Amino acid sequence: MDGKTKAIVAHITIIGWIIALVINSSEKDEFASYYIRQLLGIYLLGLILTFIPIIGWLASIVVLVFWILSLIGAIQGELKETPLVGKYFQEWFKGL
C-alpha cells in the first residue's frame, strides 16, 4: 500500500486510523506518517473539546472542518497542515 492510500485509509474513522498506523509501522512512509499524526491530533482535539459544555458543539464543527481539509490534502497528495494546531501535532506525535 502506498503512502497516499494509507493516508486516505487513516481518515476512515478511528478503525481506519488504527489500520493505517499498523500498516505504516512495518514499512514507514513519511506522507502516511504525516497524516497519521495530524489525524491523531484532530481526533484528540475533538474528544477533548466535546466535554466543554457551551462551545463543545461549535468546536465539533471546527474539528469536522479540520478533518475535511486534511482529507482533501491527502487525496490531492499534498502535505496540508491543520490550521492553527497542525505544527503542534507534528511535534507532539513525531514518534508515530
PDB file of N, CA and C in Angstrom:
ATOM      1  N   MET A   1       0.856  -1.170   0.000  1.00  0.00           N
ATOM      2  CA  MET A   1       0.000   0.000   0.000  1.00  0.00           C
ATOM      3  C   MET A   1       0.907   1.239   0.000  1.00  0.00           C
ATOM      4  N   ASP A   2       0.632   2.180  -0.873  1.00  0.00           N
ATOM      5  CA  ASP A   2       1.459   3.390  -0.919  1.00  0.00           C
ATOM      6  C   ASP A   2       1.031   4.389   0.157  1.00  0.00           C
ATOM      7  N   GLY A   3       1.830   5.419   0.339  1.00  0.00           N
ATOM      8  CA  GLY A   3       1.599   6.392   1.405  1.00  0.00           C
ATOM      9  C   GLY A   3       0.292   7.140   1.268  1.00  0.00           C
ATOM     10  N   LYS A   4      -0.072   7.485   0.041  1.00  0.00           N
ATOM     11  CA  LYS A   4      -1.318   8.218  -0.179  1.00  0.00           C
ATOM     12  C   LYS A   4      -2.519   7.369   0.222  1.00  0.00           C
ATOM     13  N   THR A   5      -2.501   6.108  -0.129  1.00  0.00           N
ATOM     14  CA  THR A   5      -3.599   5.205   0.233  1.00  0.00           C
ATOM     15  C   THR A   5      -3.687   5.038   1.742  1.00  0.00           C
ATOM     16  N   LYS A   6      -2.549   4.898   2.408  1.00  0.00           N
ATOM     17  CA  LYS A   6      -2.543   4.787   3.869  1.00  0.00           C
ATOM     18  C   LYS A   6      -3.115   6.051   4.507  1.00  0.00           C
ATOM     19  N   ALA A   7      -2.762   7.204   3.952  1.00  0.00           N
ATOM     20  CA  ALA A   7      -3.262   8.471   4.495  1.00  0.00           C
ATOM     21  C   ALA A   7      -4.775   8.576   4.337  1.00  0.00           C
ATOM     22  N   ILE A   8      -5.295   8.128   3.213  1.00  0.00           N
ATOM     23  CA  ILE A   8      -6.745   8.188   2.984  1.00  0.00           C
ATOM     24  C   ILE A   8      -7.457   7.185   3.891  1.00  0.00           C
ATOM     25  N   VAL A   9      -6.896   5.981   4.038  1.00  0.00           N
ATOM     26  CA  VAL A   9      -7.489   4.973   4.923  1.00  0.00           C
ATOM     27  C   VAL A   9      -7.533   5.492   6.362  1.00  0.00           C
ATOM     28  N   ALA A  10      -6.517   6.237   6.767  1.00  0.00           N
ATOM     29  CA  ALA A  10      -6.468   6.782   8.132  1.00  0.00           C
ATOM     30  C   ALA A  10      -7.637   7.726   8.405  1.00  0.00           C
ATOM     31  N   HIS A  11      -8.182   8.322   7.368  1.00  0.00           N
ATOM     32  CA  HIS A  11      -9.309   9.244   7.536  1.00  0.00           C
ATOM     33  C   HIS A  11     -10.649   8.522   7.736  1.00  0.00           C
ATOM     34  N   ILE A  12     -10.690   7.237   7.503  1.00  0.00           N
ATOM     35  CA  ILE A  12     -11.938   6.483   7.605  1.00  0.00           C
ATOM     36  C   ILE A  12     -12.100   5.986   9.038  1.00  0.00           C
ATOM     37  N   THR A  13     -12.704   6.769   9.874  1.00  0.00           N
ATOM     38  CA  THR A  13     -12.959   6.509  11.291  1.00  0.00           C
ATOM     39  C   THR A  13     -11.685   6.160  12.061  1.00  0.00           C
ATOM     40  N   ILE A  14     -11.834   5.902  13.314  1.00  0.00           N
ATOM     41  CA  ILE A  14     -10.694   5.555  14.166  1.00  0.00           C
ATOM     42  C   ILE A  14     -10.162   4.165  13.801  1.00  0.00           C
ATOM     43  N   ILE A  15     -11.030   3.285  13.317  1.00  0.00           N
ATOM     44  CA  ILE A  15     -10.595   1.948  12.890  1.00  0.00           C
ATOM     45  C   ILE A  15      -9.632   2.070  11.705  1.00  0.00           C
ATOM     46  N   GLY A  16      -9.979   2.910  10.741  1.00  0.00           N
ATOM     47  CA  GLY A  16      -9.095   3.143   9.603  1.00  0.00           C
ATOM     48  C   GLY A  16      -7.773   3.740  10.035  1.00  0.00           C
ATOM     49  N   TRP A  17      -7.820   4.615  11.031  1.00  0.00           N
ATOM     50  CA  TRP A  17      -6.595   5.213  11.544  1.00  0.00           C
ATOM     51  C   TRP A  17      -5.699   4.138  12.151  1.00  0.00           C
ATOM     52  N   ILE A  18      -6.291   3.227  12.921  1.00  0.00           N
ATOM     53  CA  ILE A  18      -5.518   2.142  13.545  1.00  0.00           C
ATOM     54  C   ILE A  18      -4.921   1.232  12.482  1.00  0.00           C
ATOM     55  N   ILE A  19      -5.711   0.910  11.457  1.00  0.00           N
ATOM     56  CA  ILE A  19      -5.218   0.063  10.363  1.00  0.00           C
ATOM     57  C   ILE A  19      -4.037   0.740   9.673  1.00  0.00           C
ATOM     58  N   ALA A  20      -4.188   2.033   9.367  1.00  0.00           N
ATOM     59  CA  ALA A  20      -3.101   2.766   8.703  1.00  0.00           C
ATOM     60  C   ALA A  20      -1.862   2.816   9.587  1.00  0.00           C
ATOM     61  N   LEU A  21      -2.055   2.987  10.892  1.00  0.00           N
ATOM     62  CA  LEU A  21      -0.926   3.027  11.824  1.00  0.00           C
ATOM     63  C   LEU A  21      -0.180   1.700  11.835  1.00  0.00           C
ATOM     64  N   VAL A  22      -0.915   0.599  11.891  1.00  0.00           N
ATOM     65  CA  VAL A  22      -0.285  -0.724  11.929  1.00  0.00           C
ATOM     66  C   VAL A  22       0.444  -1.014  10.615  1.00  0.00           C
ATOM     67  N   ILE A  23      -0.204  -0.726   9.501  1.00  0.00           N
ATOM     68  CA  ILE A  23       0.428  -0.973   8.201  1.00  0.00           C
ATOM     69  C   ILE A  23       1.658  -0.080   8.028  1.00  0.00           C
ATOM     70  N   ASN A  24       1.559   1.159   8.472  1.00  0.00           N
ATOM     71  CA  ASN A  24       2.673   2.085   8.310  1.00  0.00           C
ATOM     72  C   ASN A  24       3.827   1.765   9.251  1.00  0.00           C
ATOM     73  N   SER A  25       3.556   1.083  10.351  1.00  0.00           N
ATOM     74  CA  SER A  25       4.640   0.764  11.284  1.00  0.00           C
ATOM     75  C   SER A  25       5.611  -0.261  10.702  1.00  0.00           C
ATOM     76  N   SER A  26       5.116  -1.134   9.829  1.00  0.00           N
ATOM     77  CA  SER A  26       6.007  -2.138   9.249  1.00  0.00           C
ATOM     78  C   SER A  26       6.849  -1.568   8.108  1.00  0.00           C
ATOM     79  N   GLU A  27       6.256  -0.724   7.293  1.00  0.00           N
ATOM     80  CA  GLU A  27       7.012  -0.074   6.217  1.00  0.00           C
ATOM     81  C   GLU A  27       6.672   1.418   6.229  1.00  0.00           C
ATOM     82  N   LYS A  28       7.516   2.189   6.894  1.00  0.00           N
ATOM     83  CA  LYS A  28       7.275   3.615   7.122  1.00  0.00           C
ATOM     84  C   LYS A  28       7.218   4.393   5.808  1.00  0.00           C
ATOM     85  N   ASP A  29       6.241   5.271   5.731  1.00  0.00           N
ATOM     86  CA  ASP A  29       6.117   6.218   4.636  1.00  0.00           C
ATOM     87  C   ASP A  29       5.875   7.585   5.262  1.00  0.00           C
ATOM     88  N   GLU A  30       6.691   8.570   4.921  1.00  0.00           N
ATOM     89  CA  GLU A  30       6.612   9.876   5.569  1.00  0.00           C
ATOM     90  C   GLU A  30       5.282  10.569   5.300  1.00  0.00           C
ATOM     91  N   PHE A  31       4.731  10.400   4.102  1.00  0.00           N
ATOM     92  CA  PHE A  31       3.441  11.012   3.772  1.00  0.00           C
ATOM     93  C   PHE A  31       2.339  10.451   4.669  1.00  0.00           C
ATOM     94  N   ALA A  32       2.300   9.133   4.795  1.00  0.00           N
ATOM     95  CA  ALA A  32       1.297   8.492   5.650  1.00  0.00           C
ATOM     96  C   ALA A  32       1.515   8.867   7.109  1.00  0.00           C
ATOM     97  N   SER A  33       2.761   8.883   7.555  1.00  0.00           N
ATOM     98  CA  SER A  33       3.062   9.244   8.942  1.00  0.00           C
ATOM     99  C   SER A  33       2.595  10.663   9.251  1.00  0.00           C
ATOM    100  N   TYR A  34       2.776  11.568   8.294  1.00  0.00           N
ATOM    101  CA  TYR A  34       2.349  12.952   8.474  1.00  0.00           C
ATOM    102  C   TYR A  34       0.850  13.012   8.754  1.00  0.00           C
ATOM    103  N   TYR A  35       0.050  12.316   7.952  1.00  0.00           N
ATOM    104  CA  TYR A  35      -1.394  12.361   8.140  1.00  0.00           C
ATOM    105  C   TYR A  35      -1.861  11.538   9.335  1.00  0.00           C
ATOM    106  N   ILE A  36      -1.135  10.502   9.692  1.00  0.00           N
ATOM    107  CA  ILE A  36      -1.469   9.746  10.904  1.00  0.00           C
ATOM    108  C   ILE A  36      -1.298  10.641  12.128  1.00  0.00           C
ATOM    109  N   ARG A  37      -0.225  11.431  12.149  1.00  0.00           N
ATOM    110  CA  ARG A  37      -0.014  12.369  13.262  1.00  0.00           C
ATOM    111  C   ARG A  37      -1.084  13.462  13.270  1.00  0.00           C
ATOM    112  N   GLN A  38      -1.397  14.017  12.096  1.00  0.00           N
ATOM    113  CA  GLN A  38      -2.411  15.061  12.009  1.00  0.00           C
ATOM    114  C   GLN A  38      -3.764  14.548  12.516  1.00  0.00           C
ATOM    115  N   LEU A  39      -4.134  13.355  12.087  1.00  0.00           N
ATOM    116  CA  LEU A  39      -5.439  12.822  12.476  1.00  0.00           C
ATOM    117  C   LEU A  39      -5.509  12.462  13.950  1.00  0.00           C
ATOM    118  N   LEU A  40      -4.423  11.971  14.513  1.00  0.00           N
ATOM    119  CA  LEU A  40      -4.427  11.701  15.943  1.00  0.00           C
ATOM    120  C   LEU A  40      -4.709  12.992  16.706  1.00  0.00           C
ATOM    121  N   GLY A  41      -4.066  14.061  16.295  1.00  0.00           N
ATOM    122  CA  GLY A  41      -4.314  15.354  16.924  1.00  0.00           C
ATOM    123  C   GLY A  41      -5.739  15.838  16.735  1.00  0.00           C
ATOM    124  N   ILE A  42      -6.268  15.670  15.534  1.00  0.00           N
ATOM    125  CA  ILE A  42      -7.646  16.093  15.256  1.00  0.00           C
ATOM    126  C   ILE A  42      -8.628  15.284  16.100  1.00  0.00           C
ATOM    127  N   TYR A  43      -8.423  13.973  16.159  1.00  0.00           N
ATOM    128  CA  TYR A  43      -9.328  13.125  16.949  1.00  0.00           C
ATOM    129  C   TYR A  43      -9.269  13.487  18.439  1.00  0.00           C
ATOM    130  N   LEU A  44      -8.065  13.681  18.962  1.00  0.00           N
ATOM    131  CA  LEU A  44      -7.937  14.034  20.376  1.00  0.00           C
ATOM    132  C   LEU A  44      -8.510  15.421  20.666  1.00  0.00           C
ATOM    133  N   LEU A  45      -8.280  16.358  19.761  1.00  0.00           N
ATOM    134  CA  LEU A  45      -8.838  17.696  19.907  1.00  0.00           C
ATOM    135  C   LEU A  45     -10.362  17.631  19.947  1.00  0.00           C
ATOM    136  N   GLY A  46     -10.948  16.864  19.054  1.00  0.00           N
ATOM    137  CA  GLY A  46     -12.399  16.716  19.037  1.00  0.00           C
ATOM    138  C   GLY A  46     -12.929  16.077  20.305  1.00  0.00           C
ATOM    139  N   LEU A  47     -12.226  15.065  20.782  1.00  0.00           N
ATOM    140  CA  LEU A  47     -12.642  14.376  22.000  1.00  0.00           C
ATOM    141  C   LEU A  47     -12.601  15.314  23.206  1.00  0.00           C
ATOM    142  N   ILE A  48     -11.544  16.066  23.323  1.00  0.00           N
ATOM    143  CA  ILE A  48     -11.396  16.975  24.465  1.00  0.00           C
ATOM    144  C   ILE A  48     -12.401  18.115  24.404  1.00  0.00           C
ATOM    145  N   LEU A  49     -12.570  18.708  23.228  1.00  0.00           N
ATOM    146  CA  LEU A  49     -13.445  19.875  23.114  1.00  0.00           C
ATOM    147  C   LEU A  49     -14.927  19.551  23.268  1.00  0.00           C
ATOM    148  N   THR A  50     -15.326  18.312  23.045  1.00  0.00           N
ATOM    149  CA  THR A  50     -16.736  17.972  23.206  1.00  0.00           C
ATOM    150  C   THR A  50     -17.172  17.994  24.672  1.00  0.00           C
ATOM    151  N   PHE A  51     -16.211  17.959  25.588  1.00  0.00           N
ATOM    152  CA  PHE A  51     -16.553  17.996  27.007  1.00  0.00           C
ATOM    153  C   PHE A  51     -16.736  19.403  27.557  1.00  0.00           C
ATOM    154  N   ILE A  52     -16.461  20.415  26.747  1.00  0.00           N
ATOM    155  CA  ILE A  52     -16.679  21.796  27.174  1.00  0.00           C
ATOM    156  C   ILE A  52     -18.141  22.132  26.897  1.00  0.00           C
ATOM    157  N   PRO A  53     -18.925  22.412  27.920  1.00  0.00           N
ATOM    158  CA  PRO A  53     -20.378  22.494  27.793  1.00  0.00           C
ATOM    159  C   PRO A  53     -20.915  23.449  26.718  1.00  0.00           C
ATOM    160  N   ILE A  54     -20.528  24.679  26.699  1.00  0.00           N
ATOM    161  CA  ILE A  54     -21.178  25.636  25.815  1.00  0.00           C
ATOM    162  C   ILE A  54     -20.587  25.641  24.415  1.00  0.00           C
ATOM    163  N   ILE A  55     -19.269  25.572  24.309  1.00  0.00           N
ATOM    164  CA  ILE A  55     -18.673  25.655  22.984  1.00  0.00           C
ATOM    165  C   ILE A  55     -18.383  24.295  22.362  1.00  0.00           C
ATOM    166  N   GLY A  56     -18.751  23.241  23.013  1.00  0.00           N
ATOM    167  CA  GLY A  56     -18.476  21.898  22.520  1.00  0.00           C
ATOM    168  C   GLY A  56     -19.059  21.614  21.155  1.00  0.00           C
ATOM    169  N   TRP A  57     -20.298  22.030  20.918  1.00  0.00           N
ATOM    170  CA  TRP A  57     -20.925  21.761  19.618  1.00  0.00           C
ATOM    171  C   TRP A  57     -20.297  22.605  18.520  1.00  0.00           C
ATOM    172  N   LEU A  58     -19.935  23.825  18.824  1.00  0.00           N
ATOM    173  CA  LEU A  58     -19.269  24.680  17.840  1.00  0.00           C
ATOM    174  C   LEU A  58     -17.870  24.144  17.534  1.00  0.00           C
ATOM    175  N   ALA A  59     -17.184  23.703  18.560  1.00  0.00           N
ATOM    176  CA  ALA A  59     -15.847  23.146  18.385  1.00  0.00           C
ATOM    177  C   ALA A  59     -15.890  21.870  17.548  1.00  0.00           C
ATOM    178  N   SER A  60     -16.940  21.084  17.689  1.00  0.00           N
ATOM    179  CA  SER A  60     -17.035  19.869  16.886  1.00  0.00           C
ATOM    180  C   SER A  60     -17.201  20.196  15.407  1.00  0.00           C
ATOM    181  N   ILE A  61     -17.841  21.299  15.099  1.00  0.00           N
ATOM    182  CA  ILE A  61     -17.954  21.735  13.698  1.00  0.00           C
ATOM    183  C   ILE A  61     -16.575  22.142  13.176  1.00  0.00           C
ATOM    184  N   VAL A  62     -15.798  22.842  13.989  1.00  0.00           N
ATOM    185  CA  VAL A  62     -14.443  23.235  13.591  1.00  0.00           C
ATOM    186  C   VAL A  62     -13.577  21.999  13.378  1.00  0.00           C
ATOM    187  N   VAL A  63     -13.692  21.025  14.247  1.00  0.00           N
ATOM    188  CA  VAL A  63     -12.922  19.786  14.114  1.00  0.00           C
ATOM    189  C   VAL A  63     -13.332  19.053  12.835  1.00  0.00           C
ATOM    190  N   LEU A  64     -14.612  19.046  12.509  1.00  0.00           N
ATOM    191  CA  LEU A  64     -15.071  18.428  11.262  1.00  0.00           C
ATOM    192  C   LEU A  64     -14.458  19.132  10.056  1.00  0.00           C
ATOM    193  N   VAL A  65     -14.391  20.443  10.093  1.00  0.00           N
ATOM    194  CA  VAL A  65     -13.771  21.203   9.004  1.00  0.00           C
ATOM    195  C   VAL A  65     -12.289  20.856   8.897  1.00  0.00           C
ATOM    196  N   PHE A  66     -11.595  20.747  10.034  1.00  0.00           N
ATOM    197  CA  PHE A  66     -10.190  20.351  10.029  1.00  0.00           C
ATOM    198  C   PHE A  66     -10.026  18.970   9.397  1.00  0.00           C
ATOM    199  N   TRP A  67     -10.925  18.042   9.734  1.00  0.00           N
ATOM    200  CA  TRP A  67     -10.864  16.687   9.190  1.00  0.00           C
ATOM    201  C   TRP A  67     -11.067  16.709   7.671  1.00  0.00           C
ATOM    202  N   ILE A  68     -12.024  17.490   7.203  1.00  0.00           N
ATOM    203  CA  ILE A  68     -12.292  17.588   5.759  1.00  0.00           C
ATOM    204  C   ILE A  68     -11.087  18.184   5.033  1.00  0.00           C
ATOM    205  N   LEU A  69     -10.486  19.238   5.592  1.00  0.00           N
ATOM    206  CA  LEU A  69      -9.301  19.833   4.979  1.00  0.00           C
ATOM    207  C   LEU A  69      -8.150  18.830   4.920  1.00  0.00           C
ATOM    208  N   SER A  70      -8.008  18.036   5.961  1.00  0.00           N
ATOM    209  CA  SER A  70      -6.975  17.012   5.998  1.00  0.00           C
ATOM    210  C   SER A  70      -7.229  15.943   4.936  1.00  0.00           C
ATOM    211  N   LEU A  71      -8.470  15.526   4.806  1.00  0.00           N
ATOM    212  CA  LEU A  71      -8.822  14.525   3.800  1.00  0.00           C
ATOM    213  C   LEU A  71      -8.548  15.049   2.396  1.00  0.00           C
ATOM    214  N   ILE A  72      -8.902  16.286   2.138  1.00  0.00           N
ATOM    215  CA  ILE A  72      -8.650  16.880   0.821  1.00  0.00           C
ATOM    216  C   ILE A  72      -7.154  16.906   0.525  1.00  0.00           C
ATOM    217  N   GLY A  73      -6.361  17.287   1.511  1.00  0.00           N
ATOM    218  CA  GLY A  73      -4.908  17.288   1.333  1.00  0.00           C
ATOM    219  C   GLY A  73      -4.364  15.903   1.029  1.00  0.00           C
ATOM    220  N   ALA A  74      -4.866  14.891   1.725  1.00  0.00           N
ATOM    221  CA  ALA A  74      -4.406  13.520   1.499  1.00  0.00           C
ATOM    222  C   ALA A  74      -4.795  13.043   0.103  1.00  0.00           C
ATOM    223  N   ILE A  75      -6.003  13.350  -0.327  1.00  0.00           N
ATOM    224  CA  ILE A  75      -6.457  12.938  -1.659  1.00  0.00           C
ATOM    225  C   ILE A  75      -5.627  13.616  -2.738  1.00  0.00           C
ATOM    226  N   GLN A  76      -5.294  14.888  -2.535  1.00  0.00           N
ATOM    227  CA  GLN A  76      -4.507  15.628  -3.516  1.00  0.00           C
ATOM    228  C   GLN A  76      -3.023  15.266  -3.476  1.00  0.00           C
ATOM    229  N   GLY A  77      -2.606  14.541  -2.468  1.00  0.00           N
ATOM    230  CA  GLY A  77      -1.208  14.141  -2.361  1.00  0.00           C
ATOM    231  C   GLY A  77      -0.303  15.252  -1.853  1.00  0.00           C
ATOM    232  N   GLU A  78      -0.873  16.206  -1.126  1.00  0.00           N
ATOM    233  CA  GLU A  78      -0.115  17.331  -0.596  1.00  0.00           C
ATOM    234  C   GLU A  78      -0.070  17.260   0.928  1.00  0.00           C
ATOM    235  N   LEU A  79       1.007  17.747   1.510  1.00  0.00           N
ATOM    236  CA  LEU A  79       1.119  17.801   2.966  1.00  0.00           C
ATOM    237  C   LEU A  79       0.489  19.097   3.452  1.00  0.00           C
ATOM    238  N   LYS A  80      -0.804  19.064   3.735  1.00  0.00           N
ATOM    239  CA  LYS A  80      -1.515  20.246   4.214  1.00  0.00           C
ATOM    240  C   LYS A  80      -1.641  20.179   5.728  1.00  0.00           C
ATOM    241  N   GLU A  81      -1.124  21.207   6.366  1.00  0.00           N
ATOM    242  CA  GLU A  81      -1.132  21.259   7.827  1.00  0.00           C
ATOM    243  C   GLU A  81      -2.494  21.724   8.335  1.00  0.00           C
ATOM    244  N   THR A  82      -2.945  21.143   9.423  1.00  0.00           N
ATOM    245  CA  THR A  82      -4.184  21.565  10.058  1.00  0.00           C
ATOM    246  C   THR A  82      -4.008  22.995  10.561  1.00  0.00           C
ATOM    247  N   PRO A  83      -4.957  23.882  10.232  1.00  0.00           N
ATOM    248  CA  PRO A  83      -4.816  25.283  10.650  1.00  0.00           C
ATOM    249  C   PRO A  83      -4.672  25.419  12.173  1.00  0.00           C
ATOM    250  N   LEU A  84      -3.838  26.312  12.583  1.00  0.00           N
ATOM    251  CA  LEU A  84      -3.596  26.698  13.976  1.00  0.00           C
ATOM    252  C   LEU A  84      -2.845  25.659  14.808  1.00  0.00           C
ATOM    253  N   VAL A  85      -3.149  24.391  14.667  1.00  0.00           N
ATOM    254  CA  VAL A  85      -2.610  23.382  15.585  1.00  0.00           C
ATOM    255  C   VAL A  85      -1.782  22.296  14.904  1.00  0.00           C
ATOM    256  N   GLY A  86      -1.727  22.266  13.599  1.00  0.00           N
ATOM    257  CA  GLY A  86      -1.048  21.200  12.866  1.00  0.00           C
ATOM    258  C   GLY A  86       0.427  21.066  13.184  1.00  0.00           C
ATOM    259  N   LYS A  87       1.115  22.206  13.340  1.00  0.00           N
ATOM    260  CA  LYS A  87       2.553  22.131  13.645  1.00  0.00           C
ATOM    261  C   LYS A  87       2.790  21.507  15.020  1.00  0.00           C
ATOM    262  N   TYR A  88       1.870  21.743  15.950  1.00  0.00           N
ATOM    263  CA  TYR A  88       1.993  21.132  17.274  1.00  0.00           C
ATOM    264  C   TYR A  88       1.761  19.625  17.206  1.00  0.00           C
ATOM    265  N   PHE A  89       0.799  19.206  16.387  1.00  0.00           N
ATOM    266  CA  PHE A  89       0.545  17.769  16.227  1.00  0.00           C
ATOM    267  C   PHE A  89       1.784  17.060  15.698  1.00  0.00           C
ATOM    268  N   GLN A  90       2.481  17.701  14.746  1.00  0.00           N
ATOM    269  CA  GLN A  90       3.681  17.091  14.182  1.00  0.00           C
ATOM    270  C   GLN A  90       4.790  16.971  15.230  1.00  0.00           C
ATOM    271  N   GLU A  91       4.898  17.953  16.106  1.00  0.00           N
ATOM    272  CA  GLU A  91       5.917  17.907  17.158  1.00  0.00           C
ATOM    273  C   GLU A  91       5.560  16.892  18.240  1.00  0.00           C
ATOM    274  N   TRP A  92       4.315  16.933  18.720  1.00  0.00           N
ATOM    275  CA  TRP A  92       3.902  16.082  19.823  1.00  0.00           C
ATOM    276  C   TRP A  92       3.915  14.600  19.474  1.00  0.00           C
ATOM    277  N   PHE A  93       3.538  14.277  18.259  1.00  0.00           N
ATOM    278  CA  PHE A  93       3.394  12.870  17.876  1.00  0.00           C
ATOM    279  C   PHE A  93       4.472  12.425  16.886  1.00  0.00           C
ATOM    280  N   LYS A  94       5.659  13.010  16.972  1.00  0.00           N
ATOM    281  CA  LYS A  94       6.704  12.698  15.998  1.00  0.00           C
ATOM    282  C   LYS A  94       7.203  11.252  16.086  1.00  0.00           C
ATOM    283  N   GLY A  95       6.860  10.534  17.130  1.00  0.00           N
ATOM    284  CA  GLY A  95       7.245   9.143  17.264  1.00  0.00           C
ATOM    285  C   GLY A  95       6.423   8.193  16.418  1.00  0.00           C
ATOM    286  N   LEU A  96       5.331   8.682  15.842  1.00  0.00           N
ATOM    287  CA  LEU A  96       4.468   7.801  15.040  1.00  0.00           C
ATOM    288  C   LEU A  96       4.948   7.714  13.614  1.00  0.00           C
TER     289      LEU A  96
END
